[in-house]
Amino acid sequence: MTVLVIILICAPLLIFFLAAPIILIVDTETDEYCIRLGDMCSLRALTTLENPGIRLRIGFWKKTWGMKEQYQPGSNRNGSSVMGSNRNGSNASRVAKTREETKQGTSRSSIRRMWRVLKTFRVSKCDVLLDTDDFILNAQLFPVFQFCNGRWGHWRVNFEGDCRLQLEVESRLIRVLYAWWWKT
C-alpha cells in the first residue's frame, strides 16, 4: 500500500520533469544568463561586479552562492599557497604522462549520439547585433548577416558601437533521453 502511495506521488513529478521544457537564455543586453526547467526551477548567473555568483530557485525556495566569498586568489581550500607545492607539500614537479596514457579515443557512435542530442534543441529566439569597431570588417560582414537574417533569427551589423546577443534555446528532457538512448 505504501509503495502504491509513493508511486502515485512520484509519478506526476517524473512526468513533469520529463515533459517540462528546458530553456537556456543568454541576453547580453540585460545581463541575463540562465537555465530554466519549466517555471518551477531556474539556475541563474549573477553578473554584478561587487559579488558575482549563482542563484538556484526551486519553487518558492531560493539559494544564492557568491563567488567572492568562496574564492581568494593565491590560496587553496586548506589555506596553503597554490603555487609551487603539491598535495603532500613537496615541490617536486609532476611527471608528464606518456601519449598512450593520455590518449582517449572517441568512437563514431558517441559523436553521433551527441549530434542527435544537439539536434533535439530548438532555437526559439536569436537576435545578434554586432559592431567590430572596424568599418571595413563591418562592411564585409554585412552581406553575410543579411543572408542569415530571417533564416536563423535577426542578424544585424551596425556602425554605432552596439553589440548584443539574445539567444533562447529550448528542449525537453524526454527528447534528450530518447536521442541519447533509444534512437538508432
N, C-alpha and C. Protein backbone atom coordinates (compact mmCIF):
# COMPACT_ATOMS: atom_id res chain seq x y z
N MET A 1 0.81 -1.20 0.00
CA MET A 1 0.00 0.00 0.00
C MET A 1 0.85 1.26 0.00
N THR A 2 1.92 1.26 0.82
CA THR A 2 2.79 2.44 0.87
C THR A 2 3.56 2.61 -0.43
N VAL A 3 3.89 1.51 -1.07
CA VAL A 3 4.58 1.59 -2.35
C VAL A 3 3.67 2.24 -3.39
N LEU A 4 2.41 1.90 -3.37
CA LEU A 4 1.45 2.49 -4.29
C LEU A 4 1.29 3.99 -4.06
N VAL A 5 1.28 4.40 -2.80
CA VAL A 5 1.18 5.82 -2.47
C VAL A 5 2.43 6.56 -2.94
N ILE A 6 3.60 5.97 -2.73
CA ILE A 6 4.85 6.59 -3.19
C ILE A 6 4.86 6.72 -4.71
N ILE A 7 4.39 5.71 -5.41
CA ILE A 7 4.33 5.75 -6.88
C ILE A 7 3.36 6.83 -7.33
N LEU A 8 2.22 6.94 -6.67
CA LEU A 8 1.24 7.96 -7.03
C LEU A 8 1.75 9.38 -6.76
N ILE A 9 2.62 9.54 -5.79
CA ILE A 9 3.19 10.86 -5.50
C ILE A 9 4.33 11.17 -6.47
N CYS A 10 5.16 10.20 -6.77
CA CYS A 10 6.34 10.42 -7.61
C CYS A 10 6.02 10.46 -9.10
N ALA A 11 4.96 9.80 -9.53
CA ALA A 11 4.64 9.75 -10.97
C ALA A 11 4.36 11.13 -11.56
N PRO A 12 3.56 11.99 -10.93
CA PRO A 12 3.37 13.33 -11.52
C PRO A 12 4.65 14.15 -11.57
N LEU A 13 5.51 14.02 -10.55
CA LEU A 13 6.79 14.73 -10.57
C LEU A 13 7.68 14.25 -11.70
N LEU A 14 7.72 12.95 -11.92
CA LEU A 14 8.51 12.39 -13.00
C LEU A 14 7.97 12.84 -14.36
N ILE A 15 6.67 12.83 -14.52
CA ILE A 15 6.07 13.28 -15.77
C ILE A 15 6.36 14.76 -15.99
N PHE A 16 6.30 15.57 -14.92
CA PHE A 16 6.61 16.99 -15.06
C PHE A 16 8.05 17.20 -15.51
N PHE A 17 9.01 16.51 -14.86
CA PHE A 17 10.41 16.71 -15.22
C PHE A 17 10.73 16.21 -16.62
N LEU A 18 10.03 15.18 -17.09
CA LEU A 18 10.27 14.69 -18.45
C LEU A 18 9.63 15.59 -19.51
N ALA A 19 8.48 16.19 -19.19
CA ALA A 19 7.74 16.96 -20.19
C ALA A 19 8.01 18.46 -20.12
N ALA A 20 8.56 18.95 -19.02
CA ALA A 20 8.78 20.39 -18.87
C ALA A 20 9.90 20.85 -19.81
N PRO A 21 9.75 22.01 -20.40
CA PRO A 21 10.79 22.50 -21.29
C PRO A 21 12.03 22.95 -20.52
N ILE A 22 13.19 22.60 -21.06
CA ILE A 22 14.47 23.09 -20.56
C ILE A 22 14.85 24.27 -21.46
N ILE A 23 15.01 25.45 -20.89
CA ILE A 23 15.24 26.65 -21.68
C ILE A 23 16.57 27.28 -21.25
N LEU A 24 17.43 27.52 -22.21
CA LEU A 24 18.69 28.23 -21.99
C LEU A 24 18.52 29.64 -22.52
N ILE A 25 18.75 30.63 -21.68
CA ILE A 25 18.58 32.03 -22.07
C ILE A 25 19.91 32.76 -21.91
N VAL A 26 20.36 33.42 -22.98
CA VAL A 26 21.54 34.27 -22.96
C VAL A 26 21.10 35.62 -23.50
N ASP A 27 21.19 36.66 -22.66
CA ASP A 27 20.82 38.01 -23.07
C ASP A 27 21.88 38.96 -22.55
N THR A 28 22.73 39.47 -23.44
CA THR A 28 23.80 40.35 -23.01
C THR A 28 23.32 41.77 -22.76
N GLU A 29 22.16 42.12 -23.27
CA GLU A 29 21.65 43.47 -23.05
C GLU A 29 21.20 43.67 -21.61
N THR A 30 20.51 42.68 -21.06
CA THR A 30 20.04 42.76 -19.67
C THR A 30 20.90 41.94 -18.72
N ASP A 31 22.01 41.37 -19.19
CA ASP A 31 22.90 40.50 -18.40
C ASP A 31 22.14 39.36 -17.75
N GLU A 32 21.35 38.67 -18.54
CA GLU A 32 20.59 37.52 -18.05
C GLU A 32 21.16 36.26 -18.68
N TYR A 33 21.66 35.37 -17.84
CA TYR A 33 22.20 34.09 -18.27
C TYR A 33 21.59 33.04 -17.37
N CYS A 34 20.67 32.22 -17.89
CA CYS A 34 20.01 31.27 -17.00
C CYS A 34 19.57 30.02 -17.75
N ILE A 35 19.34 28.98 -16.97
CA ILE A 35 18.76 27.72 -17.45
C ILE A 35 17.49 27.52 -16.63
N ARG A 36 16.36 27.33 -17.31
CA ARG A 36 15.08 27.14 -16.62
C ARG A 36 14.52 25.77 -16.95
N LEU A 37 13.89 25.16 -15.97
CA LEU A 37 13.16 23.92 -16.16
C LEU A 37 11.70 24.26 -15.90
N GLY A 38 10.98 24.53 -16.98
CA GLY A 38 9.60 25.00 -16.85
C GLY A 38 9.59 26.32 -16.12
N ASP A 39 8.58 26.53 -15.29
CA ASP A 39 8.53 27.72 -14.46
C ASP A 39 8.86 27.39 -13.01
N MET A 40 9.19 26.14 -12.73
CA MET A 40 9.42 25.72 -11.36
C MET A 40 10.87 25.89 -10.91
N CYS A 41 11.83 25.65 -11.78
CA CYS A 41 13.24 25.65 -11.39
C CYS A 41 14.02 26.57 -12.32
N SER A 42 15.03 27.24 -11.77
CA SER A 42 15.92 28.03 -12.61
C SER A 42 17.29 28.12 -11.96
N LEU A 43 18.31 28.19 -12.78
CA LEU A 43 19.68 28.39 -12.36
C LEU A 43 20.18 29.60 -13.11
N ARG A 44 20.50 30.67 -12.38
CA ARG A 44 20.80 31.96 -12.99
C ARG A 44 22.19 32.41 -12.56
N ALA A 45 22.95 32.97 -13.52
CA ALA A 45 24.26 33.55 -13.22
C ALA A 45 24.06 35.01 -12.85
N LEU A 46 24.62 35.40 -11.71
CA LEU A 46 24.55 36.79 -11.28
C LEU A 46 25.82 37.49 -11.75
N THR A 47 25.67 38.58 -12.47
CA THR A 47 26.82 39.21 -13.11
C THR A 47 27.16 40.56 -12.51
N THR A 48 26.84 40.79 -11.26
CA THR A 48 27.20 42.06 -10.64
C THR A 48 28.69 42.07 -10.35
N LEU A 49 29.31 43.22 -10.48
CA LEU A 49 30.75 43.32 -10.27
C LEU A 49 31.14 43.16 -8.80
N GLU A 50 30.30 43.61 -7.88
CA GLU A 50 30.66 43.53 -6.48
C GLU A 50 30.54 42.12 -5.92
N ASN A 51 29.63 41.29 -6.44
CA ASN A 51 29.51 39.92 -5.95
C ASN A 51 28.89 39.04 -7.02
N PRO A 52 29.70 38.55 -7.96
CA PRO A 52 29.15 37.61 -8.95
C PRO A 52 28.83 36.28 -8.28
N GLY A 53 27.89 35.56 -8.85
CA GLY A 53 27.54 34.29 -8.25
C GLY A 53 26.49 33.54 -9.05
N ILE A 54 25.88 32.58 -8.38
CA ILE A 54 24.87 31.72 -8.99
C ILE A 54 23.66 31.68 -8.07
N ARG A 55 22.47 31.76 -8.64
CA ARG A 55 21.24 31.69 -7.86
C ARG A 55 20.42 30.50 -8.36
N LEU A 56 20.03 29.64 -7.44
CA LEU A 56 19.18 28.49 -7.73
C LEU A 56 17.81 28.76 -7.14
N ARG A 57 16.77 28.55 -7.94
CA ARG A 57 15.40 28.73 -7.47
C ARG A 57 14.61 27.48 -7.81
N ILE A 58 14.00 26.89 -6.80
CA ILE A 58 13.12 25.73 -6.97
C ILE A 58 11.82 26.06 -6.26
N GLY A 59 10.79 26.31 -7.05
CA GLY A 59 9.51 26.73 -6.47
C GLY A 59 9.65 28.06 -5.78
N PHE A 60 9.37 28.08 -4.47
CA PHE A 60 9.50 29.31 -3.69
C PHE A 60 10.83 29.41 -2.96
N TRP A 61 11.65 28.35 -3.02
CA TRP A 61 12.92 28.32 -2.32
C TRP A 61 14.00 28.91 -3.22
N LYS A 62 14.85 29.78 -2.64
CA LYS A 62 15.95 30.40 -3.37
C LYS A 62 17.24 30.23 -2.58
N LYS A 63 18.33 29.99 -3.30
CA LYS A 63 19.66 29.89 -2.68
C LYS A 63 20.64 30.60 -3.60
N THR A 64 21.47 31.47 -3.02
CA THR A 64 22.45 32.23 -3.79
C THR A 64 23.85 31.89 -3.29
N TRP A 65 24.75 31.60 -4.21
CA TRP A 65 26.15 31.38 -3.90
C TRP A 65 26.95 32.49 -4.54
N GLY A 66 27.65 33.26 -3.72
CA GLY A 66 28.51 34.32 -4.22
C GLY A 66 29.90 33.78 -4.49
N MET A 67 30.54 34.28 -5.52
CA MET A 67 31.87 33.79 -5.88
C MET A 67 32.97 34.45 -5.05
N LYS A 68 32.78 35.66 -4.60
CA LYS A 68 33.85 36.34 -3.87
C LYS A 68 34.07 35.75 -2.49
N GLU A 69 33.00 35.27 -1.83
CA GLU A 69 33.20 34.65 -0.53
C GLU A 69 33.88 33.29 -0.66
N GLN A 70 33.68 32.63 -1.79
CA GLN A 70 34.19 31.28 -1.96
C GLN A 70 35.66 31.23 -2.35
N TYR A 71 36.16 32.27 -3.00
CA TYR A 71 37.47 32.18 -3.64
C TYR A 71 38.35 33.36 -3.26
N GLN A 72 39.51 33.07 -2.71
CA GLN A 72 40.53 34.08 -2.52
C GLN A 72 41.71 33.69 -3.41
N PRO A 73 42.14 34.58 -4.31
CA PRO A 73 43.24 34.24 -5.23
C PRO A 73 44.52 33.92 -4.47
N GLY A 74 45.23 32.90 -4.95
CA GLY A 74 46.53 32.55 -4.39
C GLY A 74 46.49 31.53 -3.28
N SER A 75 45.32 31.06 -2.88
CA SER A 75 45.27 30.04 -1.84
C SER A 75 44.25 28.98 -2.21
N ASN A 76 44.50 27.77 -1.72
CA ASN A 76 43.53 26.71 -1.97
C ASN A 76 42.71 26.49 -0.71
N ARG A 77 41.91 25.45 -0.66
CA ARG A 77 40.95 25.26 0.43
C ARG A 77 41.60 25.07 1.80
N ASN A 78 42.77 24.44 1.86
CA ASN A 78 43.37 24.20 3.17
C ASN A 78 44.26 25.36 3.62
N GLY A 79 44.29 26.47 2.87
CA GLY A 79 44.99 27.67 3.30
C GLY A 79 46.41 27.78 2.81
N SER A 80 47.00 26.73 2.24
CA SER A 80 48.36 26.83 1.75
C SER A 80 48.39 27.46 0.38
N SER A 81 49.54 27.88 -0.02
CA SER A 81 49.70 28.55 -1.30
C SER A 81 49.51 27.57 -2.44
N VAL A 82 48.90 28.01 -3.53
CA VAL A 82 48.68 27.17 -4.68
C VAL A 82 49.95 26.98 -5.48
N MET A 83 50.75 28.00 -5.58
CA MET A 83 51.94 27.97 -6.41
C MET A 83 53.06 27.19 -5.73
N GLY A 84 53.66 26.26 -6.46
CA GLY A 84 54.90 25.64 -6.02
C GLY A 84 54.79 24.44 -5.11
N SER A 85 53.64 23.93 -4.83
CA SER A 85 53.58 22.74 -4.00
C SER A 85 52.44 21.84 -4.45
N ASN A 86 52.62 20.56 -4.19
CA ASN A 86 51.54 19.64 -4.49
C ASN A 86 50.87 19.21 -3.18
N ARG A 87 50.07 18.16 -3.19
CA ARG A 87 49.25 17.80 -2.03
C ARG A 87 50.07 17.49 -0.78
N ASN A 88 51.17 16.79 -0.95
CA ASN A 88 51.93 16.42 0.24
C ASN A 88 53.01 17.44 0.58
N GLY A 89 52.95 18.63 0.00
CA GLY A 89 53.82 19.71 0.41
C GLY A 89 55.16 19.78 -0.28
N SER A 90 55.53 18.78 -1.06
CA SER A 90 56.83 18.83 -1.72
C SER A 90 56.74 19.66 -2.98
N ASN A 91 57.88 20.17 -3.40
CA ASN A 91 57.93 21.00 -4.60
C ASN A 91 58.33 20.20 -5.83
N ALA A 92 58.18 18.90 -5.79
CA ALA A 92 58.55 18.05 -6.91
C ALA A 92 57.61 18.29 -8.08
N SER A 93 58.18 18.31 -9.27
CA SER A 93 57.33 18.51 -10.45
C SER A 93 56.62 17.22 -10.79
N ARG A 94 55.49 17.39 -11.40
CA ARG A 94 54.70 16.22 -11.77
C ARG A 94 55.32 15.57 -13.01
N VAL A 95 55.23 14.26 -13.05
CA VAL A 95 55.76 13.51 -14.18
C VAL A 95 54.73 13.56 -15.30
N ALA A 96 55.17 13.94 -16.49
CA ALA A 96 54.25 14.03 -17.63
C ALA A 96 53.83 12.63 -18.04
N LYS A 97 52.57 12.49 -18.33
CA LYS A 97 52.05 11.20 -18.76
C LYS A 97 52.47 10.94 -20.20
N THR A 98 52.65 9.67 -20.50
CA THR A 98 53.00 9.32 -21.87
C THR A 98 51.79 9.46 -22.76
N ARG A 99 52.03 9.45 -24.05
CA ARG A 99 50.95 9.64 -25.01
C ARG A 99 49.90 8.55 -24.91
N GLU A 100 50.33 7.33 -24.61
CA GLU A 100 49.37 6.23 -24.52
C GLU A 100 48.45 6.39 -23.32
N GLU A 101 48.95 6.97 -22.23
CA GLU A 101 48.13 7.13 -21.04
C GLU A 101 47.10 8.24 -21.20
N THR A 102 47.43 9.29 -21.95
CA THR A 102 46.52 10.42 -22.08
C THR A 102 45.61 10.30 -23.29
N LYS A 103 45.91 9.40 -24.18
CA LYS A 103 45.11 9.29 -25.39
C LYS A 103 43.76 8.68 -25.06
N GLN A 104 42.72 9.41 -25.42
CA GLN A 104 41.37 8.91 -25.22
C GLN A 104 40.65 9.00 -26.54
N GLY A 105 40.30 7.88 -27.09
CA GLY A 105 39.62 7.87 -28.37
C GLY A 105 38.12 8.05 -28.21
N THR A 106 37.53 8.75 -29.16
CA THR A 106 36.07 8.86 -29.18
C THR A 106 35.56 8.06 -30.35
N SER A 107 34.60 7.25 -30.09
CA SER A 107 34.07 6.42 -31.16
C SER A 107 33.06 7.20 -31.98
N ARG A 108 32.79 6.69 -33.16
CA ARG A 108 31.81 7.35 -34.04
C ARG A 108 30.41 7.32 -33.43
N SER A 109 30.10 6.28 -32.70
CA SER A 109 28.76 6.20 -32.11
C SER A 109 28.54 7.27 -31.06
N SER A 110 29.58 7.60 -30.28
CA SER A 110 29.41 8.65 -29.27
C SER A 110 29.28 10.02 -29.93
N ILE A 111 29.98 10.25 -31.03
CA ILE A 111 29.84 11.52 -31.75
C ILE A 111 28.45 11.62 -32.37
N ARG A 112 27.97 10.53 -32.95
CA ARG A 112 26.61 10.52 -33.49
C ARG A 112 25.58 10.74 -32.40
N ARG A 113 25.80 10.13 -31.25
CA ARG A 113 24.88 10.28 -30.13
C ARG A 113 24.82 11.74 -29.67
N MET A 114 25.97 12.39 -29.54
CA MET A 114 26.00 13.80 -29.14
C MET A 114 25.34 14.68 -30.20
N TRP A 115 25.53 14.35 -31.47
CA TRP A 115 24.88 15.12 -32.54
C TRP A 115 23.37 14.99 -32.46
N ARG A 116 22.88 13.76 -32.17
CA ARG A 116 21.43 13.56 -32.02
C ARG A 116 20.89 14.36 -30.84
N VAL A 117 21.63 14.40 -29.74
CA VAL A 117 21.19 15.18 -28.58
C VAL A 117 21.16 16.66 -28.93
N LEU A 118 22.17 17.17 -29.62
CA LEU A 118 22.19 18.58 -30.00
C LEU A 118 21.04 18.93 -30.94
N LYS A 119 20.62 17.99 -31.78
CA LYS A 119 19.53 18.26 -32.70
C LYS A 119 18.18 18.35 -32.00
N THR A 120 18.08 17.89 -30.76
CA THR A 120 16.81 18.00 -30.04
C THR A 120 16.54 19.43 -29.57
N PHE A 121 17.57 20.26 -29.51
CA PHE A 121 17.39 21.63 -29.05
C PHE A 121 16.91 22.50 -30.19
N ARG A 122 15.95 23.38 -29.89
CA ARG A 122 15.37 24.29 -30.88
C ARG A 122 15.70 25.72 -30.47
N VAL A 123 16.14 26.51 -31.43
CA VAL A 123 16.42 27.93 -31.17
C VAL A 123 15.12 28.68 -31.38
N SER A 124 14.56 29.22 -30.29
CA SER A 124 13.29 29.93 -30.40
C SER A 124 13.51 31.44 -30.58
N LYS A 125 14.68 31.93 -30.20
CA LYS A 125 14.96 33.35 -30.39
C LYS A 125 16.46 33.53 -30.59
N CYS A 126 16.82 34.26 -31.63
CA CYS A 126 18.22 34.56 -31.89
C CYS A 126 18.29 35.98 -32.45
N ASP A 127 18.87 36.88 -31.70
CA ASP A 127 19.00 38.28 -32.11
C ASP A 127 20.45 38.68 -31.91
N VAL A 128 21.15 38.93 -33.01
CA VAL A 128 22.56 39.27 -32.96
C VAL A 128 22.74 40.67 -33.53
N LEU A 129 23.34 41.55 -32.76
CA LEU A 129 23.67 42.91 -33.19
C LEU A 129 25.16 43.07 -32.94
N LEU A 130 25.93 43.36 -33.98
CA LEU A 130 27.38 43.34 -33.87
C LEU A 130 28.00 44.60 -34.46
N ASP A 131 29.00 45.11 -33.77
CA ASP A 131 29.86 46.16 -34.29
C ASP A 131 31.28 45.80 -33.91
N THR A 132 32.16 45.63 -34.88
CA THR A 132 33.53 45.22 -34.63
C THR A 132 34.48 46.39 -34.43
N ASP A 133 33.99 47.62 -34.52
CA ASP A 133 34.81 48.84 -34.45
C ASP A 133 35.78 48.94 -35.62
N ASP A 134 35.53 48.19 -36.67
CA ASP A 134 36.34 48.25 -37.89
C ASP A 134 35.35 48.40 -39.04
N PHE A 135 35.35 49.56 -39.69
CA PHE A 135 34.36 49.83 -40.74
C PHE A 135 34.48 48.84 -41.91
N ILE A 136 35.69 48.46 -42.24
CA ILE A 136 35.88 47.54 -43.38
C ILE A 136 35.35 46.15 -43.04
N LEU A 137 35.67 45.66 -41.85
CA LEU A 137 35.16 44.34 -41.45
C LEU A 137 33.64 44.36 -41.30
N ASN A 138 33.09 45.44 -40.77
CA ASN A 138 31.63 45.57 -40.68
C ASN A 138 31.00 45.51 -42.07
N ALA A 139 31.62 46.20 -43.03
CA ALA A 139 31.10 46.19 -44.40
C ALA A 139 31.21 44.81 -45.02
N GLN A 140 32.25 44.05 -44.69
CA GLN A 140 32.39 42.69 -45.22
C GLN A 140 31.41 41.73 -44.55
N LEU A 141 31.08 41.96 -43.29
CA LEU A 141 30.12 41.10 -42.59
C LEU A 141 28.68 41.41 -42.96
N PHE A 142 28.42 42.58 -43.49
CA PHE A 142 27.05 42.99 -43.79
C PHE A 142 26.33 42.02 -44.73
N PRO A 143 26.91 41.60 -45.88
CA PRO A 143 26.19 40.64 -46.73
C PRO A 143 25.97 39.28 -46.07
N VAL A 144 26.92 38.84 -45.26
CA VAL A 144 26.77 37.55 -44.57
C VAL A 144 25.61 37.63 -43.59
N PHE A 145 25.54 38.72 -42.84
CA PHE A 145 24.46 38.88 -41.87
C PHE A 145 23.12 39.08 -42.57
N GLN A 146 23.11 39.73 -43.71
CA GLN A 146 21.86 39.88 -44.47
C GLN A 146 21.36 38.53 -44.97
N PHE A 147 22.28 37.64 -45.34
CA PHE A 147 21.90 36.30 -45.77
C PHE A 147 21.31 35.51 -44.60
N CYS A 148 21.91 35.65 -43.42
CA CYS A 148 21.44 34.92 -42.23
C CYS A 148 20.16 35.53 -41.65
N ASN A 149 19.92 36.80 -41.90
CA ASN A 149 18.78 37.49 -41.30
C ASN A 149 17.48 36.89 -41.82
N GLY A 150 16.59 36.55 -40.92
CA GLY A 150 15.30 35.97 -41.29
C GLY A 150 15.33 34.46 -41.36
N ARG A 151 16.46 33.87 -41.74
CA ARG A 151 16.55 32.42 -41.78
C ARG A 151 16.85 31.84 -40.40
N TRP A 152 17.82 32.45 -39.73
CA TRP A 152 18.25 31.95 -38.43
C TRP A 152 18.18 33.06 -37.39
N GLY A 153 17.14 33.82 -37.38
CA GLY A 153 16.97 34.88 -36.40
C GLY A 153 17.22 36.25 -37.02
N HIS A 154 17.46 37.23 -36.16
CA HIS A 154 17.70 38.60 -36.60
C HIS A 154 19.19 38.90 -36.45
N TRP A 155 19.90 39.00 -37.57
CA TRP A 155 21.33 39.26 -37.59
C TRP A 155 21.54 40.64 -38.18
N ARG A 156 22.21 41.50 -37.43
CA ARG A 156 22.42 42.86 -37.92
C ARG A 156 23.84 43.32 -37.60
N VAL A 157 24.39 44.12 -38.50
CA VAL A 157 25.67 44.79 -38.29
C VAL A 157 25.37 46.27 -38.18
N ASN A 158 25.96 46.92 -37.18
CA ASN A 158 25.78 48.36 -37.08
C ASN A 158 27.14 49.04 -37.02
N PHE A 159 27.14 50.33 -37.18
CA PHE A 159 28.36 51.10 -37.17
C PHE A 159 28.36 52.10 -36.02
N GLU A 160 27.60 51.79 -34.96
CA GLU A 160 27.42 52.72 -33.85
C GLU A 160 28.03 52.24 -32.54
N GLY A 161 28.68 51.10 -32.52
CA GLY A 161 29.32 50.61 -31.31
C GLY A 161 28.45 49.72 -30.44
N ASP A 162 27.28 49.32 -30.90
CA ASP A 162 26.39 48.47 -30.10
C ASP A 162 26.65 47.00 -30.42
N CYS A 163 26.78 46.18 -29.38
CA CYS A 163 26.90 44.74 -29.53
C CYS A 163 25.90 44.09 -28.59
N ARG A 164 25.16 43.11 -29.10
CA ARG A 164 24.13 42.46 -28.29
C ARG A 164 23.89 41.05 -28.82
N LEU A 165 23.61 40.15 -27.91
CA LEU A 165 23.22 38.79 -28.26
C LEU A 165 22.05 38.41 -27.39
N GLN A 166 20.96 38.01 -28.02
CA GLN A 166 19.81 37.46 -27.31
C GLN A 166 19.53 36.09 -27.92
N LEU A 167 19.68 35.07 -27.10
CA LEU A 167 19.54 33.70 -27.57
C LEU A 167 18.67 32.93 -26.60
N GLU A 168 17.71 32.19 -27.15
CA GLU A 168 16.84 31.35 -26.34
C GLU A 168 16.74 30.00 -27.02
N VAL A 169 17.20 28.96 -26.33
CA VAL A 169 17.24 27.60 -26.86
C VAL A 169 16.42 26.72 -25.93
N GLU A 170 15.58 25.84 -26.50
CA GLU A 170 14.74 25.00 -25.65
C GLU A 170 14.71 23.57 -26.15
N SER A 171 14.52 22.68 -25.19
CA SER A 171 14.33 21.26 -25.48
C SER A 171 13.52 20.68 -24.32
N ARG A 172 13.23 19.42 -24.39
CA ARG A 172 12.56 18.72 -23.29
C ARG A 172 13.42 17.52 -22.91
N LEU A 173 13.41 17.18 -21.64
CA LEU A 173 14.25 16.10 -21.15
C LEU A 173 13.88 14.77 -21.81
N ILE A 174 12.63 14.56 -22.12
CA ILE A 174 12.22 13.31 -22.76
C ILE A 174 12.84 13.19 -24.16
N ARG A 175 12.94 14.33 -24.88
CA ARG A 175 13.59 14.31 -26.20
C ARG A 175 15.07 14.01 -26.09
N VAL A 176 15.72 14.61 -25.10
CA VAL A 176 17.15 14.38 -24.91
C VAL A 176 17.42 12.93 -24.56
N LEU A 177 16.63 12.37 -23.64
CA LEU A 177 16.82 10.97 -23.25
C LEU A 177 16.54 10.03 -24.41
N TYR A 178 15.51 10.33 -25.19
CA TYR A 178 15.19 9.49 -26.35
C TYR A 178 16.34 9.50 -27.36
N ALA A 179 16.90 10.68 -27.61
CA ALA A 179 18.01 10.78 -28.56
C ALA A 179 19.27 10.11 -28.01
N TRP A 180 19.46 10.14 -26.71
CA TRP A 180 20.68 9.57 -26.11
C TRP A 180 20.64 8.05 -26.10
N TRP A 181 19.50 7.46 -25.72
CA TRP A 181 19.47 6.01 -25.54
C TRP A 181 18.76 5.23 -26.62
N TRP A 182 17.59 5.67 -27.05
CA TRP A 182 16.77 4.76 -27.85
C TRP A 182 16.81 5.01 -29.33
N LYS A 183 17.15 6.16 -29.78
CA LYS A 183 17.13 6.41 -31.21
C LYS A 183 18.31 5.75 -31.88
N THR A 184 18.08 5.09 -32.99
CA THR A 184 19.18 4.40 -33.68
C THR A 184 19.61 5.12 -34.92
